[in-house]
Amino acid sequence: MKRRTLDVIFSIGGLLLAALVLVLGLVLQNQANFAKNYVTDQLTAQRITFTAVDKLTEEEKNEPGAQCLQTYAGQQLTTGNQAECYANKYIALHLGETALLRPGLAWAVLALYVLFEAALHARPCRAQI
């Protein structure tokens, strides 16, 4: 094989590789923009607003790592970072206060439910005709 032929083959291969990388970059950018816009559209449609600073409880203000609640206070939830803050700090804090998430209680409630269902189905219905 001649040197010139090899140079042409490598040049064409390099151009094809460059075109492939360019197309891949454009597709990935398009998909990233779609994902960002989709998240924003979905969060905006939910109309969730952070609690205003003056209405935050002391527990919400002093929660470790919950400075974002004060940063986003009063704003509508529209970005992924805001959603992460809302879920991991605000909702998690309030879920921790519910009775079903106290250690052991959830299992006790589940056990009572299972026993109730078993007792309900174990007793045959005897209708008098």
N, C-alpha and C. Protein backbone atom coordinates (compact mmCIF):
# COMPACT_ATOMS: atom_id res chain seq x y z
N MET A 1 0.85 -1.17 0.00
CA MET A 1 0.00 0.00 0.00
C MET A 1 0.90 1.23 0.00
N LYS A 2 0.51 2.21 -0.82
CA LYS A 2 1.30 3.42 -0.94
C LYS A 2 1.05 4.33 0.25
N ARG A 3 2.01 5.15 0.52
CA ARG A 3 1.92 6.12 1.63
C ARG A 3 0.74 7.07 1.40
N ARG A 4 0.57 7.51 0.17
CA ARG A 4 -0.51 8.45 -0.14
C ARG A 4 -1.88 7.82 0.13
N THR A 5 -2.08 6.57 -0.22
CA THR A 5 -3.34 5.87 0.01
C THR A 5 -3.63 5.77 1.51
N LEU A 6 -2.59 5.42 2.27
CA LEU A 6 -2.73 5.31 3.72
C LEU A 6 -3.08 6.67 4.33
N ASP A 7 -2.46 7.74 3.85
CA ASP A 7 -2.77 9.09 4.34
C ASP A 7 -4.23 9.47 4.06
N VAL A 8 -4.73 9.14 2.89
CA VAL A 8 -6.11 9.44 2.52
C VAL A 8 -7.07 8.64 3.41
N ILE A 9 -6.77 7.37 3.64
CA ILE A 9 -7.63 6.54 4.49
C ILE A 9 -7.69 7.09 5.90
N PHE A 10 -6.53 7.45 6.48
CA PHE A 10 -6.51 8.01 7.84
C PHE A 10 -7.20 9.37 7.90
N SER A 11 -7.05 10.18 6.85
CA SER A 11 -7.71 11.49 6.83
C SER A 11 -9.23 11.35 6.79
N ILE A 12 -9.71 10.45 5.94
CA ILE A 12 -11.16 10.22 5.86
C ILE A 12 -11.68 9.65 7.18
N GLY A 13 -10.95 8.71 7.77
CA GLY A 13 -11.33 8.14 9.07
C GLY A 13 -11.38 9.20 10.16
N GLY A 14 -10.41 10.11 10.16
CA GLY A 14 -10.39 11.20 11.14
C GLY A 14 -11.57 12.14 10.96
N LEU A 15 -11.91 12.46 9.70
CA LEU A 15 -13.06 13.32 9.44
C LEU A 15 -14.37 12.65 9.86
N LEU A 16 -14.50 11.35 9.59
CA LEU A 16 -15.69 10.62 10.02
C LEU A 16 -15.80 10.57 11.54
N LEU A 17 -14.68 10.37 12.22
CA LEU A 17 -14.68 10.35 13.68
C LEU A 17 -15.05 11.73 14.24
N ALA A 18 -14.53 12.79 13.64
CA ALA A 18 -14.87 14.15 14.08
C ALA A 18 -16.35 14.44 13.86
N ALA A 19 -16.88 14.00 12.72
CA ALA A 19 -18.30 14.21 12.45
C ALA A 19 -19.16 13.42 13.45
N LEU A 20 -18.75 12.21 13.77
CA LEU A 20 -19.48 11.40 14.74
C LEU A 20 -19.48 12.04 16.12
N VAL A 21 -18.35 12.55 16.55
CA VAL A 21 -18.25 13.21 17.85
C VAL A 21 -19.11 14.48 17.86
N LEU A 22 -19.12 15.23 16.76
CA LEU A 22 -19.94 16.44 16.66
C LEU A 22 -21.43 16.10 16.76
N VAL A 23 -21.87 15.10 16.03
CA VAL A 23 -23.28 14.70 16.06
C VAL A 23 -23.64 14.18 17.46
N LEU A 24 -22.78 13.39 18.05
CA LEU A 24 -23.03 12.87 19.39
C LEU A 24 -23.13 14.02 20.40
N GLY A 25 -22.27 15.00 20.29
CA GLY A 25 -22.32 16.17 21.18
C GLY A 25 -23.62 16.94 21.02
N LEU A 26 -24.07 17.13 19.80
CA LEU A 26 -25.33 17.84 19.56
C LEU A 26 -26.53 17.08 20.11
N VAL A 27 -26.54 15.76 19.93
CA VAL A 27 -27.64 14.94 20.45
C VAL A 27 -27.66 14.98 21.97
N LEU A 28 -26.50 14.85 22.60
CA LEU A 28 -26.44 14.88 24.06
C LEU A 28 -26.86 16.24 24.61
N GLN A 29 -26.47 17.32 23.95
CA GLN A 29 -26.88 18.66 24.38
C GLN A 29 -28.39 18.83 24.26
N ASN A 30 -28.95 18.33 23.17
CA ASN A 30 -30.39 18.39 22.96
C ASN A 30 -31.12 17.64 24.07
N GLN A 31 -30.65 16.45 24.41
CA GLN A 31 -31.29 15.65 25.45
C GLN A 31 -31.15 16.29 26.83
N ALA A 32 -30.01 16.92 27.09
CA ALA A 32 -29.82 17.61 28.37
C ALA A 32 -30.78 18.79 28.49
N ASN A 33 -30.96 19.53 27.42
CA ASN A 33 -31.91 20.65 27.43
C ASN A 33 -33.34 20.16 27.62
N PHE A 34 -33.68 19.06 26.96
CA PHE A 34 -35.01 18.48 27.12
C PHE A 34 -35.26 18.08 28.57
N ALA A 35 -34.30 17.41 29.18
CA ALA A 35 -34.46 16.97 30.57
C ALA A 35 -34.62 18.15 31.51
N LYS A 36 -33.80 19.18 31.31
CA LYS A 36 -33.88 20.36 32.17
C LYS A 36 -35.24 21.05 32.01
N ASN A 37 -35.68 21.22 30.79
CA ASN A 37 -36.98 21.86 30.54
C ASN A 37 -38.13 21.01 31.06
N TYR A 38 -38.02 19.70 30.91
CA TYR A 38 -39.07 18.81 31.39
C TYR A 38 -39.22 18.89 32.90
N VAL A 39 -38.08 18.87 33.61
CA VAL A 39 -38.11 18.97 35.07
C VAL A 39 -38.72 20.31 35.48
N THR A 40 -38.30 21.38 34.85
CA THR A 40 -38.83 22.70 35.18
C THR A 40 -40.33 22.76 34.91
N ASP A 41 -40.77 22.24 33.78
CA ASP A 41 -42.20 22.25 33.45
C ASP A 41 -43.02 21.46 34.46
N GLN A 42 -42.52 20.27 34.83
CA GLN A 42 -43.25 19.43 35.77
C GLN A 42 -43.31 20.06 37.16
N LEU A 43 -42.20 20.62 37.61
CA LEU A 43 -42.17 21.24 38.94
C LEU A 43 -43.02 22.51 38.97
N THR A 44 -43.00 23.28 37.91
CA THR A 44 -43.81 24.49 37.85
C THR A 44 -45.29 24.14 37.89
N ALA A 45 -45.68 23.08 37.21
CA ALA A 45 -47.09 22.67 37.18
C ALA A 45 -47.58 22.26 38.56
N GLN A 46 -46.69 21.81 39.44
CA GLN A 46 -47.09 21.40 40.78
C GLN A 46 -47.41 22.58 41.70
N ARG A 47 -46.91 23.76 41.35
CA ARG A 47 -47.16 24.99 42.12
C ARG A 47 -46.79 24.86 43.59
N ILE A 48 -45.61 24.30 43.85
CA ILE A 48 -45.12 24.17 45.21
C ILE A 48 -44.27 25.39 45.53
N THR A 49 -44.53 26.01 46.66
CA THR A 49 -43.78 27.18 47.08
C THR A 49 -43.13 26.90 48.42
N PHE A 50 -41.86 27.28 48.56
CA PHE A 50 -41.17 27.13 49.84
C PHE A 50 -41.83 28.03 50.88
N THR A 51 -41.80 27.60 52.11
CA THR A 51 -42.32 28.40 53.22
C THR A 51 -41.48 29.65 53.37
N ALA A 52 -42.15 30.77 53.64
CA ALA A 52 -41.43 32.04 53.84
C ALA A 52 -40.54 31.93 55.08
N VAL A 53 -39.47 32.72 55.11
CA VAL A 53 -38.49 32.66 56.21
C VAL A 53 -39.17 32.92 57.55
N ASP A 54 -40.06 33.89 57.61
CA ASP A 54 -40.69 34.23 58.89
C ASP A 54 -41.66 33.15 59.37
N LYS A 55 -42.05 32.22 58.49
CA LYS A 55 -42.97 31.17 58.88
C LYS A 55 -42.28 29.83 59.12
N LEU A 56 -40.97 29.76 58.91
CA LEU A 56 -40.23 28.54 59.19
C LEU A 56 -40.15 28.35 60.70
N THR A 57 -40.28 27.10 61.15
CA THR A 57 -40.15 26.82 62.57
C THR A 57 -38.66 26.84 62.94
N GLU A 58 -38.40 26.90 64.24
CA GLU A 58 -37.01 26.87 64.70
C GLU A 58 -36.33 25.56 64.30
N GLU A 59 -37.09 24.48 64.35
CA GLU A 59 -36.53 23.18 63.96
C GLU A 59 -36.13 23.18 62.49
N GLU A 60 -36.95 23.79 61.64
CA GLU A 60 -36.63 23.86 60.21
C GLU A 60 -35.43 24.77 59.96
N LYS A 61 -35.33 25.83 60.72
CA LYS A 61 -34.20 26.75 60.56
C LYS A 61 -32.90 26.15 61.06
N ASN A 62 -32.97 25.34 62.11
CA ASN A 62 -31.76 24.81 62.74
C ASN A 62 -31.40 23.40 62.30
N GLU A 63 -32.18 22.82 61.42
CA GLU A 63 -31.87 21.49 60.90
C GLU A 63 -30.52 21.51 60.20
N PRO A 64 -29.60 20.57 60.54
CA PRO A 64 -28.28 20.55 59.89
C PRO A 64 -28.41 20.42 58.37
N GLY A 65 -27.75 21.29 57.66
CA GLY A 65 -27.76 21.26 56.20
C GLY A 65 -29.00 21.86 55.57
N ALA A 66 -29.87 22.46 56.37
CA ALA A 66 -31.12 22.98 55.85
C ALA A 66 -31.06 24.48 55.57
N GLN A 67 -29.88 25.02 55.34
CA GLN A 67 -29.77 26.43 54.99
C GLN A 67 -30.47 26.72 53.68
N CYS A 68 -30.61 25.70 52.85
CA CYS A 68 -31.29 25.89 51.56
C CYS A 68 -32.76 26.26 51.76
N LEU A 69 -33.36 25.84 52.87
CA LEU A 69 -34.75 26.22 53.12
C LEU A 69 -34.87 27.73 53.29
N GLN A 70 -33.85 28.34 53.88
CA GLN A 70 -33.85 29.79 54.04
C GLN A 70 -33.46 30.47 52.73
N THR A 71 -32.56 29.84 51.99
CA THR A 71 -32.12 30.41 50.71
C THR A 71 -33.29 30.48 49.72
N TYR A 72 -34.08 29.42 49.65
CA TYR A 72 -35.18 29.35 48.69
C TYR A 72 -36.51 29.80 49.28
N ALA A 73 -36.53 30.31 50.49
CA ALA A 73 -37.78 30.67 51.18
C ALA A 73 -38.63 31.61 50.33
N GLY A 74 -39.90 31.28 50.21
CA GLY A 74 -40.84 32.11 49.47
C GLY A 74 -40.82 31.92 47.96
N GLN A 75 -39.87 31.15 47.44
CA GLN A 75 -39.75 30.96 46.00
C GLN A 75 -40.57 29.75 45.56
N GLN A 76 -40.98 29.77 44.29
CA GLN A 76 -41.65 28.60 43.73
C GLN A 76 -40.60 27.56 43.37
N LEU A 77 -40.93 26.30 43.59
CA LEU A 77 -40.01 25.20 43.31
C LEU A 77 -39.99 24.94 41.81
N THR A 78 -38.85 25.20 41.15
CA THR A 78 -38.78 25.04 39.69
C THR A 78 -37.53 24.31 39.20
N THR A 79 -36.55 24.09 40.07
CA THR A 79 -35.29 23.46 39.62
C THR A 79 -35.04 22.17 40.38
N GLY A 80 -34.15 21.38 39.84
CA GLY A 80 -33.77 20.13 40.48
C GLY A 80 -33.12 20.35 41.84
N ASN A 81 -32.29 21.37 41.96
CA ASN A 81 -31.64 21.66 43.24
C ASN A 81 -32.67 22.05 44.29
N GLN A 82 -33.65 22.83 43.90
CA GLN A 82 -34.71 23.21 44.83
C GLN A 82 -35.52 21.97 45.24
N ALA A 83 -35.82 21.11 44.29
CA ALA A 83 -36.58 19.89 44.59
C ALA A 83 -35.81 18.99 45.55
N GLU A 84 -34.50 18.90 45.35
CA GLU A 84 -33.67 18.09 46.24
C GLU A 84 -33.70 18.66 47.66
N CYS A 85 -33.59 19.97 47.79
CA CYS A 85 -33.65 20.62 49.10
C CYS A 85 -35.01 20.37 49.74
N TYR A 86 -36.07 20.55 49.00
CA TYR A 86 -37.42 20.41 49.52
C TYR A 86 -37.66 18.97 50.00
N ALA A 87 -37.23 18.01 49.19
CA ALA A 87 -37.46 16.60 49.55
C ALA A 87 -36.57 16.16 50.70
N ASN A 88 -35.28 16.46 50.62
CA ASN A 88 -34.33 15.95 51.61
C ASN A 88 -34.35 16.69 52.93
N LYS A 89 -34.79 17.92 52.94
CA LYS A 89 -34.77 18.70 54.18
C LYS A 89 -36.17 18.94 54.72
N TYR A 90 -37.04 19.52 53.92
CA TYR A 90 -38.37 19.90 54.42
C TYR A 90 -39.28 18.68 54.61
N ILE A 91 -39.45 17.89 53.55
CA ILE A 91 -40.34 16.74 53.64
C ILE A 91 -39.77 15.69 54.59
N ALA A 92 -38.48 15.41 54.51
CA ALA A 92 -37.87 14.41 55.38
C ALA A 92 -38.01 14.79 56.85
N LEU A 93 -37.86 16.06 57.16
CA LEU A 93 -38.01 16.53 58.53
C LEU A 93 -39.43 16.27 59.03
N HIS A 94 -40.41 16.57 58.21
CA HIS A 94 -41.80 16.40 58.63
C HIS A 94 -42.23 14.94 58.62
N LEU A 95 -41.67 14.13 57.75
CA LEU A 95 -41.98 12.70 57.78
C LEU A 95 -41.42 12.06 59.04
N GLY A 96 -40.28 12.54 59.48
CA GLY A 96 -39.67 12.02 60.70
C GLY A 96 -40.54 12.28 61.92
N GLU A 97 -41.42 13.25 61.83
CA GLU A 97 -42.29 13.59 62.96
C GLU A 97 -43.55 12.72 63.01
N THR A 98 -43.86 12.01 61.94
CA THR A 98 -45.09 11.23 61.91
C THR A 98 -44.94 9.96 62.73
N ALA A 99 -46.04 9.48 63.23
CA ALA A 99 -46.03 8.32 64.12
C ALA A 99 -45.57 7.05 63.42
N LEU A 100 -45.91 6.89 62.15
CA LEU A 100 -45.56 5.65 61.47
C LEU A 100 -44.08 5.49 61.21
N LEU A 101 -43.33 6.55 61.30
CA LEU A 101 -41.90 6.42 61.05
C LEU A 101 -41.09 6.33 62.33
N ARG A 102 -41.74 6.28 63.47
CA ARG A 102 -41.01 6.07 64.71
C ARG A 102 -40.57 4.62 64.75
N PRO A 103 -39.36 4.35 65.23
CA PRO A 103 -38.84 2.98 65.20
C PRO A 103 -39.76 1.98 65.88
N GLY A 104 -40.06 0.90 65.20
CA GLY A 104 -40.86 -0.16 65.75
C GLY A 104 -42.35 0.01 65.57
N LEU A 105 -42.83 1.23 65.56
CA LEU A 105 -44.26 1.46 65.49
C LEU A 105 -44.84 1.04 64.14
N ALA A 106 -44.11 1.29 63.07
CA ALA A 106 -44.60 0.91 61.75
C ALA A 106 -44.78 -0.60 61.67
N TRP A 107 -43.85 -1.34 62.23
CA TRP A 107 -43.96 -2.80 62.20
C TRP A 107 -45.11 -3.27 63.07
N ALA A 108 -45.36 -2.59 64.19
CA ALA A 108 -46.48 -2.96 65.05
C ALA A 108 -47.80 -2.73 64.34
N VAL A 109 -47.92 -1.61 63.65
CA VAL A 109 -49.15 -1.32 62.91
C VAL A 109 -49.34 -2.34 61.80
N LEU A 110 -48.27 -2.68 61.10
CA LEU A 110 -48.35 -3.67 60.03
C LEU A 110 -48.76 -5.04 60.60
N ALA A 111 -48.18 -5.42 61.73
CA ALA A 111 -48.52 -6.70 62.34
C ALA A 111 -49.99 -6.74 62.74
N LEU A 112 -50.50 -5.65 63.32
CA LEU A 112 -51.92 -5.60 63.69
C LEU A 112 -52.81 -5.72 62.45
N TYR A 113 -52.42 -5.07 61.38
CA TYR A 113 -53.18 -5.14 60.14
C TYR A 113 -53.21 -6.57 59.61
N VAL A 114 -52.07 -7.24 59.61
CA VAL A 114 -52.00 -8.62 59.12
C VAL A 114 -52.86 -9.53 60.00
N LEU A 115 -52.77 -9.35 61.32
CA LEU A 115 -53.59 -10.17 62.22
C LEU A 115 -55.08 -9.92 62.00
N PHE A 116 -55.46 -8.67 61.82
CA PHE A 116 -56.85 -8.32 61.58
C PHE A 116 -57.35 -8.96 60.29
N GLU A 117 -56.55 -8.86 59.24
CA GLU A 117 -56.95 -9.46 57.96
C GLU A 117 -57.06 -10.97 58.07
N ALA A 118 -56.14 -11.60 58.79
CA ALA A 118 -56.18 -13.06 58.96
C ALA A 118 -57.42 -13.46 59.74
N ALA A 119 -57.73 -12.71 60.80
CA ALA A 119 -58.91 -13.03 61.60
C ALA A 119 -60.19 -12.81 60.80
N LEU A 120 -60.20 -11.80 59.99
CA LEU A 120 -61.38 -11.50 59.18
C LEU A 120 -61.67 -12.60 58.18
N HIS A 121 -60.62 -13.13 57.56
CA HIS A 121 -60.81 -14.16 56.54
C HIS A 121 -60.91 -15.56 57.13
N ALA A 122 -60.50 -15.75 58.37
CA ALA A 122 -60.56 -17.06 59.00
C ALA A 122 -61.97 -17.39 59.47
N ARG A 123 -62.75 -16.41 59.79
CA ARG A 123 -64.09 -16.61 60.29
C ARG A 123 -65.06 -16.78 59.12
N PRO A 124 -65.60 -17.95 58.92
CA PRO A 124 -66.52 -18.11 57.79
C PRO A 124 -67.84 -17.41 58.06
N CYS A 125 -68.41 -16.96 57.01
CA CYS A 125 -69.70 -16.28 57.09
C CYS A 125 -70.79 -17.34 57.08
N ARG A 126 -71.60 -17.38 58.14
CA ARG A 126 -72.68 -18.37 58.21
C ARG A 126 -74.02 -17.64 58.13
N ALA A 127 -74.55 -17.65 56.99
CA ALA A 127 -75.83 -16.99 56.80
C ALA A 127 -76.96 -17.95 57.14
N GLN A 128 -77.96 -17.48 57.83
CA GLN A 128 -79.12 -18.28 58.16
C GLN A 128 -80.16 -18.13 57.05
N ILE A 129 -80.59 -19.24 56.54
CA ILE A 129 -81.60 -19.20 55.48
C ILE A 129 -82.92 -19.65 56.05
